[in-house]
């Protein structure tokens, strides 16, 4: 639970942990109903047909709500308290988000803005093929937000007039 992570803050600090990354911690369907003509039928365990479970959240989700089953009581308050507690202990919070191809790019931007502003997460690890990474990377609101993605097109984000130099 979010509360369980907050309780382990001293242990995490002792290990030298400076950031945690949460797999999708927004609301998502745990039971996957098969796409059939007869979706009104509920399979019972005694019928020896069990609906597949989605434990991980790497499907379209309800992106504006913390996962209720990851909290004891109010998930929003628990998430905020966990982030605050970890921050007070020098530990950053990075969240993974999975966006299937059908999720609109403007919506993706709104989701990330919401979590950064409402829950004060420190970073996002984005998964999906249609993530507007250039738009996200150049959004001023995210200037202090860690952004992880499979490929960040630095050449598109920084035009030729800016030179990138790295010092050892």
N, C-alpha and C. Protein backbone atom coordinates (compact mmCIF):
# COMPACT_ATOMS: atom_id res chain seq x y z
N UNK A 1 0.85 -1.19 0.00
CA UNK A 1 0.00 0.00 0.00
C UNK A 1 0.88 1.23 0.00
N UNK A 2 0.25 2.37 -0.31
CA UNK A 2 0.99 3.63 -0.23
C UNK A 2 1.47 3.86 1.20
N UNK A 3 0.63 3.51 2.17
CA UNK A 3 1.01 3.66 3.57
C UNK A 3 2.20 2.75 3.93
N UNK A 4 2.22 1.56 3.35
CA UNK A 4 3.31 0.63 3.61
C UNK A 4 4.64 1.15 3.10
N UNK A 5 4.62 1.79 1.96
CA UNK A 5 5.85 2.39 1.42
C UNK A 5 6.33 3.50 2.34
N UNK A 6 5.39 4.35 2.78
CA UNK A 6 5.75 5.46 3.68
C UNK A 6 6.35 4.93 4.97
N UNK A 7 5.81 3.83 5.49
CA UNK A 7 6.32 3.24 6.74
C UNK A 7 7.75 2.73 6.59
N UNK A 8 8.14 2.37 5.38
CA UNK A 8 9.49 1.82 5.14
C UNK A 8 10.52 2.91 4.84
N UNK A 9 10.17 4.16 5.04
CA UNK A 9 11.07 5.27 4.69
C UNK A 9 12.44 5.16 5.36
N UNK A 10 12.48 4.83 6.64
CA UNK A 10 13.77 4.74 7.35
C UNK A 10 14.62 3.60 6.80
N UNK A 11 13.98 2.49 6.48
CA UNK A 11 14.68 1.36 5.89
C UNK A 11 15.24 1.74 4.53
N UNK A 12 14.42 2.42 3.72
CA UNK A 12 14.87 2.85 2.40
C UNK A 12 16.04 3.82 2.51
N UNK A 13 15.94 4.77 3.45
CA UNK A 13 17.04 5.72 3.67
C UNK A 13 18.32 5.00 4.07
N UNK A 14 18.19 4.02 4.97
CA UNK A 14 19.35 3.27 5.45
C UNK A 14 20.03 2.53 4.30
N UNK A 15 19.23 2.08 3.33
CA UNK A 15 19.79 1.40 2.16
C UNK A 15 20.44 2.38 1.17
N UNK A 16 20.18 3.67 1.36
CA UNK A 16 20.73 4.67 0.45
C UNK A 16 19.83 4.96 -0.74
N UNK A 17 18.59 4.55 -0.66
CA UNK A 17 17.63 4.79 -1.75
C UNK A 17 17.32 6.28 -1.83
N UNK A 18 17.43 6.85 -3.02
CA UNK A 18 17.13 8.27 -3.21
C UNK A 18 15.89 8.49 -4.07
N UNK A 19 15.38 7.43 -4.69
CA UNK A 19 14.17 7.54 -5.50
C UNK A 19 13.51 6.17 -5.59
N UNK A 20 12.19 6.17 -5.65
CA UNK A 20 11.46 4.94 -5.92
C UNK A 20 10.65 5.16 -7.19
N UNK A 21 10.49 4.09 -7.95
CA UNK A 21 9.67 4.15 -9.16
C UNK A 21 8.50 3.20 -8.98
N UNK A 22 7.31 3.75 -9.08
CA UNK A 22 6.10 2.96 -8.95
C UNK A 22 5.63 2.51 -10.32
N UNK A 23 5.34 1.23 -10.44
CA UNK A 23 4.65 0.76 -11.65
C UNK A 23 3.30 1.47 -11.66
N UNK A 24 2.49 1.34 -12.71
CA UNK A 24 1.23 2.10 -12.73
C UNK A 24 0.49 2.03 -11.40
N UNK A 25 0.33 3.19 -10.76
CA UNK A 25 -0.34 3.27 -9.47
C UNK A 25 -1.62 4.09 -9.59
N UNK A 26 -2.09 4.25 -10.82
CA UNK A 26 -3.38 4.89 -11.06
C UNK A 26 -4.41 3.77 -11.21
N UNK A 27 -5.67 4.13 -11.15
CA UNK A 27 -6.74 3.14 -11.18
C UNK A 27 -6.79 2.44 -12.54
N UNK A 28 -6.94 1.12 -12.52
CA UNK A 28 -7.08 0.32 -13.74
C UNK A 28 -7.92 -0.90 -13.43
N UNK A 29 -8.48 -1.49 -14.47
CA UNK A 29 -9.31 -2.69 -14.31
C UNK A 29 -8.42 -3.88 -14.00
N UNK A 30 -8.72 -4.57 -12.93
CA UNK A 30 -7.94 -5.75 -12.57
C UNK A 30 -8.45 -7.01 -13.28
N UNK A 31 -9.74 -7.06 -13.53
CA UNK A 31 -10.32 -8.21 -14.20
C UNK A 31 -10.57 -7.86 -15.66
N UNK A 32 -10.07 -8.68 -16.55
CA UNK A 32 -10.22 -8.43 -17.97
C UNK A 32 -11.38 -9.26 -18.50
N UNK A 33 -12.45 -8.57 -18.86
CA UNK A 33 -13.62 -9.25 -19.40
C UNK A 33 -13.35 -9.56 -20.87
N UNK A 34 -13.49 -10.83 -21.27
CA UNK A 34 -13.23 -11.18 -22.67
C UNK A 34 -14.19 -10.44 -23.60
N UNK A 35 -13.69 -10.06 -24.75
CA UNK A 35 -14.53 -9.39 -25.73
C UNK A 35 -15.32 -10.43 -26.51
N UNK A 36 -16.52 -10.72 -26.04
CA UNK A 36 -17.41 -11.69 -26.68
C UNK A 36 -18.77 -11.03 -26.84
N UNK A 37 -19.63 -11.66 -27.59
CA UNK A 37 -20.98 -11.16 -27.73
C UNK A 37 -21.72 -11.20 -26.40
N UNK A 38 -21.45 -12.22 -25.59
CA UNK A 38 -22.15 -12.39 -24.32
C UNK A 38 -21.25 -11.93 -23.17
N UNK A 39 -21.17 -10.60 -22.98
CA UNK A 39 -20.36 -10.09 -21.88
C UNK A 39 -21.17 -9.93 -20.61
N UNK A 40 -22.47 -10.21 -20.67
CA UNK A 40 -23.30 -10.08 -19.47
C UNK A 40 -23.15 -11.27 -18.55
N UNK A 41 -22.63 -12.37 -19.05
CA UNK A 41 -22.47 -13.57 -18.24
C UNK A 41 -21.27 -13.41 -17.31
N UNK A 42 -21.46 -13.69 -16.07
CA UNK A 42 -20.38 -13.63 -15.09
C UNK A 42 -19.89 -15.05 -14.84
N UNK A 43 -18.60 -15.25 -14.98
CA UNK A 43 -18.03 -16.57 -14.74
C UNK A 43 -17.75 -16.73 -13.26
N UNK A 44 -18.24 -17.79 -12.71
CA UNK A 44 -18.01 -18.08 -11.30
C UNK A 44 -16.88 -19.09 -11.17
N UNK A 45 -16.22 -19.06 -10.02
CA UNK A 45 -15.09 -19.96 -9.80
C UNK A 45 -15.53 -21.42 -9.89
N UNK A 46 -16.75 -21.73 -9.45
CA UNK A 46 -17.19 -23.12 -9.50
C UNK A 46 -17.48 -23.60 -10.92
N UNK A 47 -17.53 -22.67 -11.88
CA UNK A 47 -17.69 -23.07 -13.28
C UNK A 47 -16.32 -23.36 -13.92
N UNK A 48 -15.27 -23.22 -13.13
CA UNK A 48 -13.89 -23.46 -13.57
C UNK A 48 -13.47 -22.55 -14.72
N UNK A 49 -14.10 -21.38 -14.79
CA UNK A 49 -13.69 -20.36 -15.74
C UNK A 49 -13.40 -19.11 -14.93
N UNK A 50 -12.19 -18.68 -14.99
CA UNK A 50 -11.78 -17.53 -14.21
C UNK A 50 -11.38 -16.41 -15.18
N UNK A 51 -11.83 -15.21 -14.88
CA UNK A 51 -11.44 -14.08 -15.71
C UNK A 51 -9.94 -13.82 -15.54
N UNK A 52 -9.26 -13.46 -16.62
CA UNK A 52 -7.83 -13.15 -16.49
C UNK A 52 -7.63 -11.91 -15.61
N UNK A 53 -6.56 -11.92 -14.86
CA UNK A 53 -6.24 -10.79 -13.99
C UNK A 53 -5.19 -9.91 -14.63
N UNK A 54 -5.32 -8.62 -14.40
CA UNK A 54 -4.35 -7.63 -14.84
C UNK A 54 -3.74 -7.06 -13.56
N UNK A 55 -2.64 -7.64 -13.10
CA UNK A 55 -2.01 -7.20 -11.87
C UNK A 55 -1.16 -5.94 -12.05
N UNK A 56 -0.74 -5.68 -13.27
CA UNK A 56 0.33 -4.71 -13.48
C UNK A 56 -0.12 -3.34 -13.92
N UNK A 57 -1.26 -3.21 -14.58
CA UNK A 57 -1.77 -1.91 -14.98
C UNK A 57 -1.29 -1.41 -16.33
N UNK A 58 -0.65 -2.26 -17.12
CA UNK A 58 -0.15 -1.80 -18.41
C UNK A 58 -1.22 -1.94 -19.49
N UNK A 59 -2.34 -1.30 -19.23
CA UNK A 59 -3.46 -1.18 -20.16
C UNK A 59 -4.05 0.20 -19.92
N UNK A 60 -5.02 0.57 -20.74
CA UNK A 60 -5.66 1.87 -20.54
C UNK A 60 -6.24 1.92 -19.13
N UNK A 61 -6.08 3.05 -18.47
CA UNK A 61 -6.53 3.16 -17.09
C UNK A 61 -7.35 4.40 -16.84
N UNK A 62 -7.69 4.58 -15.59
CA UNK A 62 -8.39 5.78 -15.12
C UNK A 62 -7.31 6.66 -14.52
N UNK A 63 -6.68 7.46 -15.38
CA UNK A 63 -5.41 8.09 -15.09
C UNK A 63 -5.42 9.18 -14.01
N UNK A 64 -6.59 9.65 -13.63
CA UNK A 64 -6.64 10.76 -12.67
C UNK A 64 -6.93 10.30 -11.24
N UNK A 65 -6.84 9.01 -10.98
CA UNK A 65 -7.14 8.51 -9.63
C UNK A 65 -6.07 7.52 -9.20
N UNK A 66 -5.53 7.69 -7.99
CA UNK A 66 -4.62 6.68 -7.47
C UNK A 66 -5.35 5.35 -7.28
N UNK A 67 -4.64 4.26 -7.42
CA UNK A 67 -5.23 2.92 -7.32
C UNK A 67 -5.78 2.70 -5.91
N UNK A 68 -7.09 2.54 -5.82
CA UNK A 68 -7.76 2.39 -4.52
C UNK A 68 -7.27 1.17 -3.75
N UNK A 69 -6.99 0.08 -4.45
CA UNK A 69 -6.56 -1.14 -3.75
C UNK A 69 -5.12 -1.04 -3.23
N UNK A 70 -4.42 0.03 -3.56
CA UNK A 70 -3.07 0.24 -3.05
C UNK A 70 -3.08 1.12 -1.79
N UNK A 71 -4.26 1.35 -1.23
CA UNK A 71 -4.37 2.22 -0.06
C UNK A 71 -5.32 1.61 0.95
N UNK A 72 -5.12 2.01 2.18
CA UNK A 72 -6.07 1.68 3.24
C UNK A 72 -6.87 2.95 3.43
N UNK A 73 -8.13 2.92 3.02
CA UNK A 73 -8.96 4.12 3.13
C UNK A 73 -8.85 4.99 1.90
N UNK A 74 -8.73 6.28 2.10
CA UNK A 74 -8.73 7.29 1.04
C UNK A 74 -7.43 7.21 0.23
N UNK A 75 -7.53 6.75 -1.02
CA UNK A 75 -6.33 6.57 -1.86
C UNK A 75 -5.65 7.89 -2.18
N UNK A 76 -6.43 8.95 -2.40
CA UNK A 76 -5.82 10.24 -2.71
C UNK A 76 -4.99 10.75 -1.54
N UNK A 77 -5.57 10.70 -0.35
CA UNK A 77 -4.84 11.16 0.84
C UNK A 77 -3.62 10.28 1.10
N UNK A 78 -3.76 8.97 0.91
CA UNK A 78 -2.64 8.06 1.13
C UNK A 78 -1.51 8.32 0.16
N UNK A 79 -1.83 8.57 -1.10
CA UNK A 79 -0.80 8.86 -2.11
C UNK A 79 -0.08 10.16 -1.76
N UNK A 80 -0.84 11.19 -1.43
CA UNK A 80 -0.23 12.49 -1.09
C UNK A 80 0.66 12.36 0.15
N UNK A 81 0.19 11.62 1.14
CA UNK A 81 0.96 11.43 2.36
C UNK A 81 2.25 10.65 2.08
N UNK A 82 2.16 9.62 1.23
CA UNK A 82 3.34 8.84 0.90
C UNK A 82 4.39 9.72 0.23
N UNK A 83 3.97 10.49 -0.77
CA UNK A 83 4.91 11.35 -1.49
C UNK A 83 5.53 12.37 -0.54
N UNK A 84 4.71 12.99 0.29
CA UNK A 84 5.20 13.98 1.26
C UNK A 84 6.19 13.36 2.24
N UNK A 85 5.85 12.20 2.77
CA UNK A 85 6.73 11.51 3.72
C UNK A 85 8.06 11.15 3.07
N UNK A 86 8.01 10.63 1.86
CA UNK A 86 9.26 10.28 1.17
C UNK A 86 10.09 11.52 0.88
N UNK A 87 9.44 12.60 0.45
CA UNK A 87 10.18 13.84 0.19
C UNK A 87 10.89 14.34 1.45
N UNK A 88 10.20 14.30 2.57
CA UNK A 88 10.81 14.75 3.83
C UNK A 88 12.03 13.91 4.20
N UNK A 89 12.12 12.74 3.63
CA UNK A 89 13.23 11.83 3.89
C UNK A 89 14.22 11.75 2.73
N UNK A 90 14.13 12.70 1.82
CA UNK A 90 15.08 12.78 0.72
C UNK A 90 14.90 11.74 -0.36
N UNK A 91 13.68 11.21 -0.50
CA UNK A 91 13.41 10.17 -1.50
C UNK A 91 12.41 10.70 -2.52
N UNK A 92 12.78 10.64 -3.78
CA UNK A 92 11.91 11.09 -4.86
C UNK A 92 10.94 9.99 -5.28
N UNK A 93 9.83 10.39 -5.91
CA UNK A 93 8.83 9.45 -6.39
C UNK A 93 8.68 9.62 -7.90
N UNK A 94 8.90 8.53 -8.62
CA UNK A 94 8.74 8.51 -10.07
C UNK A 94 7.62 7.51 -10.37
N UNK A 95 6.69 7.89 -11.25
CA UNK A 95 5.58 7.00 -11.58
C UNK A 95 5.63 6.58 -13.03
N UNK A 96 5.34 5.32 -13.26
CA UNK A 96 5.20 4.82 -14.63
C UNK A 96 3.77 5.06 -15.10
N UNK A 97 3.65 5.41 -16.37
CA UNK A 97 2.36 5.56 -17.02
C UNK A 97 2.41 4.83 -18.35
N UNK A 98 1.39 4.03 -18.61
CA UNK A 98 1.28 3.36 -19.90
C UNK A 98 0.11 3.98 -20.66
N UNK A 99 0.38 4.43 -21.88
CA UNK A 99 -0.64 5.02 -22.73
C UNK A 99 -0.74 4.24 -24.03
N UNK A 100 -1.85 3.48 -24.22
CA UNK A 100 -2.04 2.79 -25.50
C UNK A 100 -2.18 3.80 -26.64
N UNK A 101 -2.06 3.32 -27.85
CA UNK A 101 -2.07 4.19 -29.03
C UNK A 101 -3.32 5.06 -29.15
N UNK A 102 -4.47 4.58 -28.66
CA UNK A 102 -5.71 5.34 -28.83
C UNK A 102 -5.85 6.52 -27.87
N UNK A 103 -4.97 6.66 -26.89
CA UNK A 103 -5.04 7.78 -25.96
C UNK A 103 -4.48 9.03 -26.65
N UNK A 104 -5.26 10.09 -26.63
CA UNK A 104 -4.88 11.33 -27.33
C UNK A 104 -3.72 12.02 -26.64
N UNK A 105 -2.86 12.64 -27.43
CA UNK A 105 -1.64 13.24 -26.91
C UNK A 105 -1.91 14.39 -25.94
N UNK A 106 -2.93 15.22 -26.22
CA UNK A 106 -3.27 16.29 -25.29
C UNK A 106 -3.72 15.76 -23.95
N UNK A 107 -4.41 14.63 -23.97
CA UNK A 107 -4.86 13.98 -22.74
C UNK A 107 -3.66 13.49 -21.93
N UNK A 108 -2.68 12.93 -22.62
CA UNK A 108 -1.46 12.46 -21.96
C UNK A 108 -0.78 13.61 -21.23
N UNK A 109 -0.67 14.75 -21.89
CA UNK A 109 -0.06 15.93 -21.28
C UNK A 109 -0.84 16.35 -20.04
N UNK A 110 -2.18 16.34 -20.13
CA UNK A 110 -3.02 16.72 -18.98
C UNK A 110 -2.83 15.77 -17.81
N UNK A 111 -2.70 14.47 -18.10
CA UNK A 111 -2.50 13.48 -17.04
C UNK A 111 -1.20 13.77 -16.29
N UNK A 112 -0.14 13.99 -17.01
CA UNK A 112 1.15 14.23 -16.37
C UNK A 112 1.13 15.52 -15.57
N UNK A 113 0.54 16.57 -16.14
CA UNK A 113 0.41 17.84 -15.41
C UNK A 113 -0.35 17.62 -14.10
N UNK A 114 -1.41 16.85 -14.17
CA UNK A 114 -2.22 16.59 -12.98
C UNK A 114 -1.40 15.94 -11.88
N UNK A 115 -0.67 14.89 -12.21
CA UNK A 115 0.10 14.17 -11.19
C UNK A 115 1.26 15.00 -10.64
N UNK A 116 1.89 15.79 -11.49
CA UNK A 116 2.98 16.64 -11.03
C UNK A 116 2.44 17.74 -10.10
N UNK A 117 1.32 18.34 -10.47
CA UNK A 117 0.76 19.44 -9.67
C UNK A 117 -0.01 18.96 -8.45
N UNK A 118 -0.79 17.92 -8.59
CA UNK A 118 -1.66 17.46 -7.50
C UNK A 118 -0.93 16.59 -6.48
N UNK A 119 -0.06 15.72 -6.94
CA UNK A 119 0.60 14.77 -6.05
C UNK A 119 2.08 15.06 -5.85
N UNK A 120 2.61 16.01 -6.60
CA UNK A 120 4.01 16.45 -6.47
C UNK A 120 5.02 15.34 -6.73
N UNK A 121 4.68 14.46 -7.69
CA UNK A 121 5.66 13.43 -8.05
C UNK A 121 6.85 14.11 -8.72
N UNK A 122 7.99 13.46 -8.63
CA UNK A 122 9.25 14.04 -9.12
C UNK A 122 9.59 13.66 -10.54
N UNK A 123 8.95 12.61 -11.05
CA UNK A 123 9.27 12.17 -12.39
C UNK A 123 8.24 11.21 -12.93
N UNK A 124 8.33 11.01 -14.24
CA UNK A 124 7.43 10.09 -14.93
C UNK A 124 8.26 9.18 -15.82
N UNK A 125 7.88 7.91 -15.85
CA UNK A 125 8.47 6.96 -16.77
C UNK A 125 7.34 6.59 -17.73
N UNK A 126 7.43 7.08 -18.95
CA UNK A 126 6.34 6.96 -19.92
C UNK A 126 6.53 5.75 -20.80
N UNK A 127 5.43 5.04 -21.00
CA UNK A 127 5.44 3.85 -21.86
C UNK A 127 4.29 3.97 -22.84
N UNK A 128 4.56 3.61 -24.09
CA UNK A 128 3.57 3.68 -25.16
C UNK A 128 4.21 4.21 -26.42
N UNK A 129 3.55 4.00 -27.55
CA UNK A 129 4.13 4.40 -28.84
C UNK A 129 3.79 5.82 -29.27
N UNK A 130 2.70 6.38 -28.75
CA UNK A 130 2.23 7.69 -29.22
C UNK A 130 2.36 8.77 -28.16
N UNK A 131 3.35 8.67 -27.30
CA UNK A 131 3.58 9.67 -26.26
C UNK A 131 4.18 10.91 -26.92
N UNK A 132 3.60 12.10 -26.67
CA UNK A 132 4.14 13.34 -27.27
C UNK A 132 5.38 13.81 -26.51
N UNK A 133 6.45 13.07 -26.65
CA UNK A 133 7.64 13.30 -25.82
C UNK A 133 8.26 14.67 -26.05
N UNK A 134 8.24 15.18 -27.27
CA UNK A 134 8.80 16.51 -27.52
C UNK A 134 7.98 17.57 -26.79
N UNK A 135 6.67 17.46 -26.87
CA UNK A 135 5.78 18.39 -26.18
C UNK A 135 5.99 18.32 -24.66
N UNK A 136 6.07 17.13 -24.13
CA UNK A 136 6.28 16.94 -22.70
C UNK A 136 7.65 17.47 -22.27
N UNK A 137 8.67 17.18 -23.05
CA UNK A 137 10.04 17.59 -22.71
C UNK A 137 10.24 19.10 -22.76
N UNK A 138 9.42 19.79 -23.52
CA UNK A 138 9.57 21.24 -23.64
C UNK A 138 8.54 22.02 -22.82
N UNK A 139 7.70 21.33 -22.07
CA UNK A 139 6.69 21.98 -21.22
C UNK A 139 7.38 22.62 -20.02
N UNK A 140 7.26 23.95 -19.86
CA UNK A 140 7.94 24.63 -18.73
C UNK A 140 7.55 24.08 -17.36
N UNK A 141 6.33 23.61 -17.21
CA UNK A 141 5.89 23.06 -15.93
C UNK A 141 6.75 21.88 -15.49
N UNK A 142 7.33 21.18 -16.46
CA UNK A 142 8.12 19.99 -16.15
C UNK A 142 9.62 20.27 -16.09
N UNK A 143 10.01 21.51 -15.93
CA UNK A 143 11.44 21.84 -15.96
C UNK A 143 12.22 21.15 -14.84
N UNK A 144 11.55 20.82 -13.73
CA UNK A 144 12.22 20.11 -12.63
C UNK A 144 11.72 18.68 -12.48
N UNK A 145 11.06 18.17 -13.52
CA UNK A 145 10.50 16.82 -13.49
C UNK A 145 11.38 15.87 -14.29
N UNK A 146 11.70 14.74 -13.73
CA UNK A 146 12.47 13.73 -14.45
C UNK A 146 11.55 13.05 -15.46
N UNK A 147 12.01 12.94 -16.68
CA UNK A 147 11.21 12.32 -17.74
C UNK A 147 12.01 11.17 -18.32
N UNK A 148 11.44 9.98 -18.21
CA UNK A 148 12.08 8.78 -18.74
C UNK A 148 11.20 8.25 -19.87
N UNK A 149 11.83 7.91 -20.98
CA UNK A 149 11.11 7.38 -22.13
C UNK A 149 12.10 6.57 -22.97
N UNK A 150 11.58 5.71 -23.83
CA UNK A 150 12.46 4.84 -24.61
C UNK A 150 13.40 5.61 -25.54
N UNK A 151 12.94 6.75 -26.05
CA UNK A 151 13.80 7.58 -26.91
C UNK A 151 13.37 9.03 -26.79
N UNK A 152 14.27 9.86 -26.35
CA UNK A 152 13.99 11.30 -26.27
C UNK A 152 14.77 11.96 -27.40
N UNK A 153 14.04 12.54 -28.39
CA UNK A 153 14.69 13.11 -29.57
C UNK A 153 15.37 14.45 -29.28
N UNK A 154 16.55 14.38 -28.69
CA UNK A 154 17.28 15.57 -28.30
C UNK A 154 17.47 16.51 -29.48
N UNK A 155 17.72 15.93 -30.66
CA UNK A 155 17.95 16.76 -31.86
C UNK A 155 16.71 17.55 -32.25
N UNK A 156 15.52 17.09 -31.91
CA UNK A 156 14.29 17.82 -32.20
C UNK A 156 14.00 18.85 -31.11
N UNK A 157 14.28 18.50 -29.89
CA UNK A 157 13.99 19.38 -28.77
C UNK A 157 14.92 20.58 -28.76
N UNK A 158 16.20 20.34 -29.01
CA UNK A 158 17.19 21.42 -29.04
C UNK A 158 17.57 21.69 -30.49
N UNK A 159 17.26 22.88 -30.98
CA UNK A 159 17.60 23.19 -32.36
C UNK A 159 19.11 23.39 -32.52
N UNK A 160 19.55 23.59 -33.73
CA UNK A 160 20.98 23.71 -34.03
C UNK A 160 21.64 24.92 -33.42
N UNK A 161 20.84 25.92 -32.99
CA UNK A 161 21.44 27.13 -32.43
C UNK A 161 21.95 26.91 -31.01
N UNK A 162 21.51 25.84 -30.39
CA UNK A 162 21.98 25.52 -29.04
C UNK A 162 22.96 24.36 -29.13
N UNK A 163 24.05 24.50 -28.50
CA UNK A 163 24.98 23.38 -28.51
C UNK A 163 24.94 22.70 -27.15
N UNK A 164 24.94 21.42 -27.20
CA UNK A 164 24.93 20.65 -25.96
C UNK A 164 26.36 20.26 -25.63
N UNK A 165 26.76 20.58 -24.43
CA UNK A 165 28.10 20.16 -24.01
C UNK A 165 27.99 19.50 -22.65
N UNK A 166 28.78 18.49 -22.48
CA UNK A 166 28.77 17.75 -21.23
C UNK A 166 30.15 17.84 -20.62
N UNK A 167 30.21 18.17 -19.35
CA UNK A 167 31.49 18.28 -18.66
C UNK A 167 31.61 17.10 -17.70
N UNK A 168 32.81 16.60 -17.60
CA UNK A 168 33.06 15.48 -16.66
C UNK A 168 33.21 16.01 -15.26
